[in-house]
N, C-alpha and C. Protein backbone atom coordinates (compact mmCIF):
# COMPACT_ATOMS: atom_id res chain seq x y z
N MET A 1 122.43 86.65 111.59
CA MET A 1 121.68 85.64 110.86
C MET A 1 120.22 86.05 110.82
N ARG A 2 119.59 85.86 109.69
CA ARG A 2 118.18 86.21 109.50
C ARG A 2 117.29 85.15 110.15
N PRO A 3 116.09 85.57 110.59
CA PRO A 3 115.14 84.58 111.11
C PRO A 3 114.69 83.66 109.98
N PRO A 4 114.14 82.48 110.32
CA PRO A 4 113.69 81.55 109.28
C PRO A 4 112.61 82.16 108.42
N GLN A 5 112.51 81.66 107.18
CA GLN A 5 111.52 82.16 106.23
C GLN A 5 110.13 81.86 106.75
N GLY A 6 109.22 82.82 106.56
CA GLY A 6 107.83 82.64 106.98
C GLY A 6 107.38 83.81 107.82
N ALA A 7 106.20 83.72 108.36
CA ALA A 7 105.64 84.80 109.16
C ALA A 7 106.31 84.85 110.52
N ASP A 8 106.67 86.04 110.96
CA ASP A 8 107.19 86.24 112.30
C ASP A 8 106.00 86.54 113.19
N HIS A 9 105.62 85.62 114.02
CA HIS A 9 104.46 85.83 114.87
C HIS A 9 104.84 85.66 116.33
N ALA A 10 104.73 86.71 117.07
CA ALA A 10 104.85 86.64 118.52
C ALA A 10 103.44 86.90 119.03
N GLY A 11 102.54 85.94 118.83
CA GLY A 11 101.14 86.14 119.16
C GLY A 11 100.40 86.68 117.96
N GLU A 12 99.32 87.37 118.21
CA GLU A 12 98.49 87.93 117.15
C GLU A 12 99.16 89.15 116.53
N PRO A 13 98.86 89.44 115.24
CA PRO A 13 99.40 90.66 114.63
C PRO A 13 98.95 91.89 115.41
N ARG A 14 99.84 92.88 115.43
CA ARG A 14 99.58 94.12 116.17
C ARG A 14 98.49 94.94 115.50
N GLN A 15 97.81 95.76 116.29
CA GLN A 15 96.88 96.76 115.77
C GLN A 15 97.69 98.03 115.52
N SER A 16 97.50 98.67 114.39
CA SER A 16 98.26 99.86 114.07
C SER A 16 97.55 100.66 113.00
N THR A 17 97.94 101.91 112.88
CA THR A 17 97.51 102.75 111.77
C THR A 17 98.68 102.85 110.82
N VAL A 18 98.49 102.39 109.59
CA VAL A 18 99.60 102.30 108.65
C VAL A 18 99.17 102.80 107.28
N PRO A 19 100.12 103.31 106.47
CA PRO A 19 99.77 103.70 105.11
C PRO A 19 99.37 102.49 104.28
N ALA A 20 98.29 102.59 103.53
CA ALA A 20 97.83 101.49 102.69
C ALA A 20 98.43 101.56 101.29
N GLN A 21 98.84 102.71 100.85
CA GLN A 21 99.39 102.90 99.51
C GLN A 21 100.68 103.69 99.63
N PRO A 22 101.55 103.60 98.63
CA PRO A 22 102.73 104.45 98.68
C PRO A 22 102.31 105.92 98.69
N VAL A 23 103.08 106.73 99.37
CA VAL A 23 102.74 108.13 99.52
C VAL A 23 103.71 108.97 98.72
N ARG A 24 103.18 109.76 97.80
CA ARG A 24 104.00 110.71 97.07
C ARG A 24 104.16 111.95 97.93
N PRO A 25 105.24 112.71 97.75
CA PRO A 25 105.42 113.91 98.55
C PRO A 25 104.30 114.93 98.39
N ASP A 26 103.59 114.90 97.25
CA ASP A 26 102.55 115.90 97.00
C ASP A 26 101.15 115.43 97.36
N GLN A 27 101.01 114.31 98.04
CA GLN A 27 99.67 113.85 98.43
C GLN A 27 99.69 113.32 99.85
N PRO A 28 98.58 113.47 100.56
CA PRO A 28 98.52 112.93 101.92
C PRO A 28 98.47 111.41 101.88
N GLY A 29 98.94 110.77 102.94
CA GLY A 29 98.93 109.31 103.01
C GLY A 29 97.53 108.76 103.22
N ARG A 30 97.35 107.52 102.79
CA ARG A 30 96.10 106.81 103.06
C ARG A 30 96.40 105.79 104.15
N HIS A 31 95.42 105.53 104.99
CA HIS A 31 95.65 104.65 106.14
C HIS A 31 94.60 103.57 106.22
N ARG A 32 94.97 102.45 106.81
CA ARG A 32 94.02 101.41 107.19
C ARG A 32 93.98 101.43 108.70
N ARG A 33 93.04 102.19 109.23
CA ARG A 33 92.96 102.34 110.68
C ARG A 33 92.66 101.00 111.34
N GLY A 34 93.42 100.72 112.38
CA GLY A 34 93.18 99.51 113.15
C GLY A 34 93.58 98.23 112.43
N ALA A 35 94.39 98.32 111.38
CA ALA A 35 94.78 97.12 110.63
C ALA A 35 95.62 96.20 111.50
N ARG A 36 95.42 94.90 111.32
CA ARG A 36 96.29 93.90 111.94
C ARG A 36 97.48 93.72 111.00
N LEU A 37 98.68 93.77 111.55
CA LEU A 37 99.88 93.69 110.72
C LEU A 37 100.49 92.30 110.78
N ALA A 38 101.01 91.88 109.64
CA ALA A 38 101.73 90.60 109.55
C ALA A 38 103.14 90.89 109.01
N PRO A 39 104.14 91.00 109.91
CA PRO A 39 105.51 91.16 109.43
C PRO A 39 106.04 89.80 108.99
N LEU A 40 106.58 89.73 107.78
CA LEU A 40 107.08 88.47 107.25
C LEU A 40 108.59 88.57 107.08
N SER A 41 109.27 87.55 107.54
CA SER A 41 110.73 87.56 107.45
C SER A 41 111.17 87.53 106.00
N GLY A 42 112.44 87.78 105.77
CA GLY A 42 112.97 87.87 104.42
C GLY A 42 112.72 86.63 103.59
N GLN A 43 112.17 86.86 102.40
CA GLN A 43 111.90 85.78 101.45
C GLN A 43 113.04 85.74 100.44
N VAL A 44 113.54 84.56 100.17
CA VAL A 44 114.59 84.39 99.16
C VAL A 44 114.09 83.43 98.09
N ALA A 45 114.90 83.23 97.06
CA ALA A 45 114.49 82.42 95.91
C ALA A 45 114.83 80.95 96.15
N TRP A 46 114.03 80.30 96.99
CA TRP A 46 114.16 78.86 97.11
C TRP A 46 112.82 78.22 96.84
N ASP A 47 112.90 76.98 96.37
CA ASP A 47 111.67 76.27 96.04
C ASP A 47 111.11 75.59 97.29
N THR A 48 110.06 74.82 97.13
CA THR A 48 109.40 74.20 98.27
C THR A 48 110.27 73.17 98.97
N GLN A 49 111.34 72.71 98.32
CA GLN A 49 112.28 71.79 98.96
C GLN A 49 113.50 72.52 99.53
N GLY A 50 113.49 73.85 99.48
CA GLY A 50 114.59 74.63 100.04
C GLY A 50 115.81 74.74 99.14
N ARG A 51 115.63 74.42 97.86
CA ARG A 51 116.74 74.51 96.90
C ARG A 51 116.74 75.89 96.25
N PRO A 52 117.94 76.48 96.05
CA PRO A 52 118.02 77.78 95.40
C PRO A 52 117.47 77.72 93.97
N VAL A 53 116.82 78.81 93.55
CA VAL A 53 116.25 78.95 92.21
C VAL A 53 116.90 80.17 91.56
N GLY A 54 117.21 80.07 90.27
CA GLY A 54 117.70 81.22 89.51
C GLY A 54 119.11 81.64 89.86
N LEU A 55 120.01 80.70 89.98
CA LEU A 55 121.39 81.03 90.33
C LEU A 55 121.96 82.07 89.37
N GLY A 56 122.47 83.16 89.93
CA GLY A 56 123.08 84.22 89.13
C GLY A 56 122.12 85.09 88.34
N ASP A 57 120.80 84.94 88.54
CA ASP A 57 119.80 85.64 87.74
C ASP A 57 118.83 86.39 88.65
N HIS A 58 119.00 87.71 88.73
CA HIS A 58 118.15 88.53 89.60
C HIS A 58 116.66 88.39 89.26
N GLU A 59 116.34 88.39 87.97
CA GLU A 59 114.93 88.33 87.58
C GLU A 59 114.30 86.99 87.95
N ALA A 60 115.00 85.90 87.68
CA ALA A 60 114.47 84.57 88.04
C ALA A 60 114.28 84.47 89.55
N GLN A 61 115.18 85.07 90.31
CA GLN A 61 115.03 85.04 91.76
C GLN A 61 113.84 85.90 92.20
N ALA A 62 113.62 87.03 91.54
CA ALA A 62 112.46 87.88 91.88
C ALA A 62 111.16 87.15 91.58
N VAL A 63 111.11 86.39 90.49
CA VAL A 63 109.92 85.60 90.15
C VAL A 63 109.64 84.60 91.27
N GLN A 64 110.67 83.88 91.70
CA GLN A 64 110.48 82.87 92.75
C GLN A 64 110.08 83.52 94.07
N ILE A 65 110.66 84.66 94.38
CA ILE A 65 110.29 85.36 95.61
C ILE A 65 108.83 85.79 95.56
N ALA A 66 108.35 86.27 94.42
CA ALA A 66 106.93 86.64 94.29
C ALA A 66 106.04 85.43 94.53
N LEU A 67 106.43 84.28 93.99
CA LEU A 67 105.66 83.04 94.23
C LEU A 67 105.68 82.66 95.70
N ASN A 68 106.85 82.78 96.33
CA ASN A 68 106.96 82.48 97.76
C ASN A 68 106.12 83.44 98.59
N LEU A 69 106.13 84.72 98.22
CA LEU A 69 105.30 85.68 98.94
C LEU A 69 103.82 85.33 98.80
N ASN A 70 103.39 84.92 97.61
CA ASN A 70 101.99 84.50 97.43
C ASN A 70 101.64 83.41 98.44
N ALA A 71 102.50 82.41 98.58
CA ALA A 71 102.22 81.28 99.47
C ALA A 71 102.23 81.69 100.94
N VAL A 72 103.23 82.44 101.34
CA VAL A 72 103.34 82.84 102.75
C VAL A 72 102.19 83.78 103.13
N LEU A 73 101.87 84.72 102.24
CA LEU A 73 100.77 85.63 102.53
C LEU A 73 99.43 84.90 102.57
N ALA A 74 99.23 83.94 101.68
CA ALA A 74 97.99 83.16 101.70
C ALA A 74 97.83 82.44 103.04
N ALA A 75 98.93 82.01 103.62
CA ALA A 75 98.88 81.30 104.90
C ALA A 75 98.37 82.18 106.04
N VAL A 76 98.49 83.51 105.90
CA VAL A 76 97.97 84.42 106.92
C VAL A 76 96.72 85.16 106.43
N GLY A 77 96.14 84.70 105.31
CA GLY A 77 94.89 85.28 104.81
C GLY A 77 95.07 86.58 104.05
N ALA A 78 96.22 86.74 103.42
CA ALA A 78 96.51 87.99 102.70
C ALA A 78 97.01 87.68 101.29
N THR A 79 97.19 88.72 100.49
CA THR A 79 97.78 88.62 99.15
C THR A 79 98.86 89.69 99.04
N ARG A 80 99.56 89.70 97.92
CA ARG A 80 100.57 90.75 97.71
C ARG A 80 99.93 92.14 97.64
N ASN A 81 98.64 92.23 97.35
CA ASN A 81 97.96 93.53 97.38
C ASN A 81 97.86 94.09 98.79
N ASP A 82 98.05 93.25 99.80
CA ASP A 82 97.96 93.69 101.19
C ASP A 82 99.30 94.15 101.75
N ILE A 83 100.37 94.01 100.95
CA ILE A 83 101.69 94.47 101.42
C ILE A 83 101.68 95.99 101.49
N ILE A 84 102.08 96.52 102.63
CA ILE A 84 102.10 97.97 102.81
C ILE A 84 103.52 98.54 102.79
N THR A 85 104.49 97.70 103.08
CA THR A 85 105.88 98.14 103.04
C THR A 85 106.77 96.94 102.73
N GLU A 86 107.85 97.21 102.01
CA GLU A 86 108.79 96.16 101.68
C GLU A 86 110.21 96.72 101.73
N THR A 87 111.14 95.84 102.08
CA THR A 87 112.56 96.15 101.99
C THR A 87 113.18 95.10 101.11
N VAL A 88 113.86 95.54 100.05
CA VAL A 88 114.46 94.64 99.08
C VAL A 88 115.98 94.76 99.20
N TYR A 89 116.63 93.65 99.55
CA TYR A 89 118.08 93.60 99.65
C TYR A 89 118.62 93.00 98.36
N VAL A 90 119.59 93.68 97.72
CA VAL A 90 120.08 93.27 96.41
C VAL A 90 121.60 93.16 96.43
N VAL A 91 122.11 91.99 96.04
CA VAL A 91 123.54 91.78 95.86
C VAL A 91 123.88 92.19 94.43
N ASP A 92 125.01 92.84 94.23
CA ASP A 92 125.48 93.28 92.90
C ASP A 92 124.49 94.21 92.22
N TYR A 93 123.92 95.13 92.98
CA TYR A 93 122.92 96.05 92.43
C TYR A 93 123.50 97.01 91.40
N THR A 94 122.75 97.20 90.33
CA THR A 94 122.97 98.30 89.38
C THR A 94 121.58 98.82 89.01
N PRO A 95 121.45 100.09 88.64
CA PRO A 95 120.13 100.63 88.28
C PRO A 95 119.44 99.86 87.15
N GLU A 96 120.22 99.23 86.28
CA GLU A 96 119.63 98.46 85.17
C GLU A 96 118.82 97.26 85.66
N LEU A 97 119.00 96.86 86.90
CA LEU A 97 118.28 95.71 87.46
C LEU A 97 116.87 96.03 87.95
N LEU A 98 116.53 97.31 88.03
CA LEU A 98 115.24 97.68 88.62
C LEU A 98 114.05 96.97 87.99
N SER A 99 113.95 96.96 86.67
CA SER A 99 112.79 96.32 86.04
C SER A 99 112.83 94.80 86.22
N ALA A 100 114.01 94.20 86.21
CA ALA A 100 114.11 92.76 86.42
C ALA A 100 113.67 92.37 87.83
N ILE A 101 113.93 93.23 88.79
CA ILE A 101 113.55 92.95 90.18
C ILE A 101 112.09 93.30 90.42
N PHE A 102 111.70 94.53 90.07
CA PHE A 102 110.36 94.98 90.43
C PHE A 102 109.28 94.54 89.45
N GLY A 103 109.63 94.15 88.24
CA GLY A 103 108.62 93.61 87.31
C GLY A 103 107.88 92.43 87.93
N PRO A 104 108.59 91.39 88.34
CA PRO A 104 107.92 90.25 88.97
C PRO A 104 107.26 90.59 90.31
N LEU A 105 107.89 91.44 91.10
CA LEU A 105 107.32 91.77 92.40
C LEU A 105 106.05 92.60 92.28
N ARG A 106 105.90 93.35 91.19
CA ARG A 106 104.70 94.19 90.99
C ARG A 106 103.64 93.53 90.12
N SER A 107 103.98 92.46 89.45
CA SER A 107 103.04 91.78 88.56
C SER A 107 101.82 91.29 89.34
N GLY A 108 100.64 91.64 88.84
CA GLY A 108 99.40 91.15 89.44
C GLY A 108 98.92 91.91 90.66
N ILE A 109 99.59 93.01 91.02
CA ILE A 109 99.11 93.78 92.16
C ILE A 109 98.56 95.12 91.68
N SER A 110 97.69 95.71 92.49
CA SER A 110 97.02 96.94 92.07
C SER A 110 97.79 98.20 92.39
N ALA A 111 98.63 98.18 93.43
CA ALA A 111 99.41 99.37 93.80
C ALA A 111 100.69 98.92 94.49
N ALA A 112 101.76 99.63 94.22
CA ALA A 112 103.04 99.30 94.84
C ALA A 112 103.05 99.74 96.30
N PRO A 113 103.65 98.93 97.17
CA PRO A 113 103.77 99.35 98.56
C PRO A 113 104.91 100.35 98.72
N ALA A 114 105.00 100.95 99.90
CA ALA A 114 106.17 101.76 100.22
C ALA A 114 107.36 100.81 100.16
N SER A 115 108.43 101.23 99.52
CA SER A 115 109.52 100.31 99.23
C SER A 115 110.88 100.94 99.47
N THR A 116 111.78 100.14 100.02
CA THR A 116 113.18 100.54 100.18
C THR A 116 114.03 99.47 99.55
N LEU A 117 114.98 99.87 98.72
CA LEU A 117 115.93 98.95 98.11
C LEU A 117 117.30 99.26 98.71
N LEU A 118 117.97 98.20 99.18
CA LEU A 118 119.30 98.35 99.75
C LEU A 118 120.27 97.47 98.99
N SER A 119 121.36 98.05 98.54
CA SER A 119 122.43 97.28 97.92
C SER A 119 123.29 96.70 99.04
N VAL A 120 123.53 95.39 99.00
CA VAL A 120 124.31 94.72 100.03
C VAL A 120 125.45 93.94 99.38
N SER A 121 126.49 93.69 100.14
CA SER A 121 127.63 92.95 99.59
C SER A 121 127.34 91.45 99.52
N ALA A 122 126.50 90.94 100.41
CA ALA A 122 126.17 89.51 100.41
C ALA A 122 124.94 89.28 101.28
N LEU A 123 124.28 88.15 101.03
CA LEU A 123 123.20 87.70 101.89
C LEU A 123 123.73 86.50 102.69
N PHE A 124 122.85 85.74 103.32
CA PHE A 124 123.29 84.67 104.20
C PHE A 124 123.95 83.51 103.49
N ALA A 125 123.71 83.36 102.18
CA ALA A 125 124.33 82.30 101.38
C ALA A 125 124.63 82.88 100.00
N PRO A 126 125.74 82.48 99.39
CA PRO A 126 126.16 83.10 98.14
C PRO A 126 125.23 82.85 96.96
N GLU A 127 124.35 81.86 97.02
CA GLU A 127 123.43 81.57 95.91
C GLU A 127 122.36 82.64 95.74
N TYR A 128 122.10 83.38 96.80
CA TYR A 128 120.97 84.31 96.79
C TYR A 128 121.42 85.73 96.48
N LEU A 129 120.72 86.34 95.50
CA LEU A 129 121.01 87.70 95.08
C LEU A 129 119.99 88.70 95.60
N LEU A 130 118.82 88.20 96.03
CA LEU A 130 117.73 89.05 96.50
C LEU A 130 117.13 88.48 97.78
N GLU A 131 116.67 89.39 98.62
CA GLU A 131 115.85 89.02 99.77
C GLU A 131 114.81 90.12 99.93
N VAL A 132 113.58 89.73 100.17
CA VAL A 132 112.49 90.71 100.29
C VAL A 132 111.77 90.48 101.61
N GLN A 133 111.76 91.52 102.42
CA GLN A 133 111.06 91.49 103.70
C GLN A 133 109.84 92.39 103.56
N VAL A 134 108.68 91.92 104.00
CA VAL A 134 107.46 92.71 103.84
C VAL A 134 106.66 92.78 105.13
N VAL A 135 105.79 93.78 105.19
CA VAL A 135 104.75 93.87 106.21
C VAL A 135 103.44 93.99 105.46
N ALA A 136 102.49 93.14 105.82
CA ALA A 136 101.16 93.18 105.20
C ALA A 136 100.13 93.62 106.23
N ALA A 137 99.16 94.41 105.75
CA ALA A 137 98.00 94.77 106.57
C ALA A 137 96.93 93.75 106.26
N LEU A 138 96.61 92.94 107.24
CA LEU A 138 95.65 91.86 106.99
C LEU A 138 94.27 92.42 106.74
N PRO A 139 93.61 91.90 105.71
CA PRO A 139 92.27 92.41 105.37
C PRO A 139 91.27 92.00 106.43
N GLY A 140 90.30 92.90 106.64
CA GLY A 140 89.21 92.58 107.54
C GLY A 140 88.13 91.85 106.78
N PRO A 141 87.12 91.38 107.47
CA PRO A 141 86.01 90.70 106.79
C PRO A 141 85.37 91.61 105.76
N GLY A 142 85.13 91.07 104.57
CA GLY A 142 84.43 91.80 103.52
C GLY A 142 85.22 92.94 102.92
N SER A 143 86.54 92.85 102.92
CA SER A 143 87.35 93.92 102.32
C SER A 143 87.01 94.08 100.85
N PRO A 144 86.63 95.28 100.42
CA PRO A 144 86.26 95.48 99.03
C PRO A 144 87.48 95.53 98.11
N GLY A 145 87.28 95.15 96.87
CA GLY A 145 88.28 95.34 95.85
C GLY A 145 89.52 94.48 95.96
N ARG A 146 89.45 93.35 96.64
CA ARG A 146 90.61 92.49 96.79
C ARG A 146 90.78 91.63 95.57
N THR A 147 92.01 91.48 95.13
CA THR A 147 92.31 90.54 94.06
C THR A 147 93.39 89.60 94.57
N THR A 148 93.35 88.39 94.13
CA THR A 148 94.31 87.40 94.56
C THR A 148 95.17 86.99 93.39
N PRO A 149 96.50 87.30 93.46
CA PRO A 149 97.36 86.86 92.37
C PRO A 149 97.39 85.34 92.31
N THR A 150 97.42 84.77 91.13
CA THR A 150 97.55 83.33 91.01
C THR A 150 99.00 82.95 91.16
N ASP A 151 99.26 81.68 91.38
CA ASP A 151 100.64 81.20 91.50
C ASP A 151 101.44 81.49 90.25
N ASN A 152 100.77 81.64 89.09
CA ASN A 152 101.47 81.87 87.83
C ASN A 152 101.68 83.35 87.53
N THR A 153 101.09 84.24 88.33
CA THR A 153 101.16 85.67 88.03
C THR A 153 102.59 86.15 87.90
N ALA A 154 103.42 85.85 88.88
CA ALA A 154 104.81 86.32 88.85
C ALA A 154 105.59 85.58 87.78
N ALA A 155 105.31 84.31 87.59
CA ALA A 155 106.05 83.52 86.62
C ALA A 155 105.83 84.02 85.20
N ASN A 156 104.69 84.68 84.94
CA ASN A 156 104.41 85.18 83.60
C ASN A 156 105.35 86.30 83.18
N THR A 157 106.09 86.88 84.12
CA THR A 157 107.01 87.96 83.77
C THR A 157 108.40 87.44 83.46
N ALA A 158 108.66 86.16 83.65
CA ALA A 158 110.02 85.63 83.52
C ALA A 158 110.58 85.81 82.12
N GLY A 159 109.76 85.75 81.09
CA GLY A 159 110.27 85.83 79.72
C GLY A 159 110.44 87.24 79.20
N ARG A 160 110.15 88.23 80.02
CA ARG A 160 110.25 89.62 79.55
C ARG A 160 111.66 90.10 79.51
């Protein structure tokens, strides 16, 4: 069973050296030395009342997950731009789903995090087709170049 949705905090976030941007094989990694990390448990497509959103629709679920990530990250002082790594669990995966899943998850961010996609036979409840687990590097005071996605940023991709 997965831990409850939200930030997993056993005290303060750890200090670590972590890649800040995805690393291509032909370029050295970039790091945020001494970054405080916020590991967030798997986010699924439920609304603020805990009701499933987007039944049977991977893209609608990705939109809701992006909105949920905005809220959970804001609670720890971060945005989706601060995500350094993500694991995306997908039920009924096919390659044709990539844009439907990653379109909403990438909307409004400046760079994609390191990402792993895993095809799974099921999640904890049959209504959910996606689950996204992330680790964010919390910004320090005066972090340059930060942008904050609005609550509507991910929703704007739903009609694509």
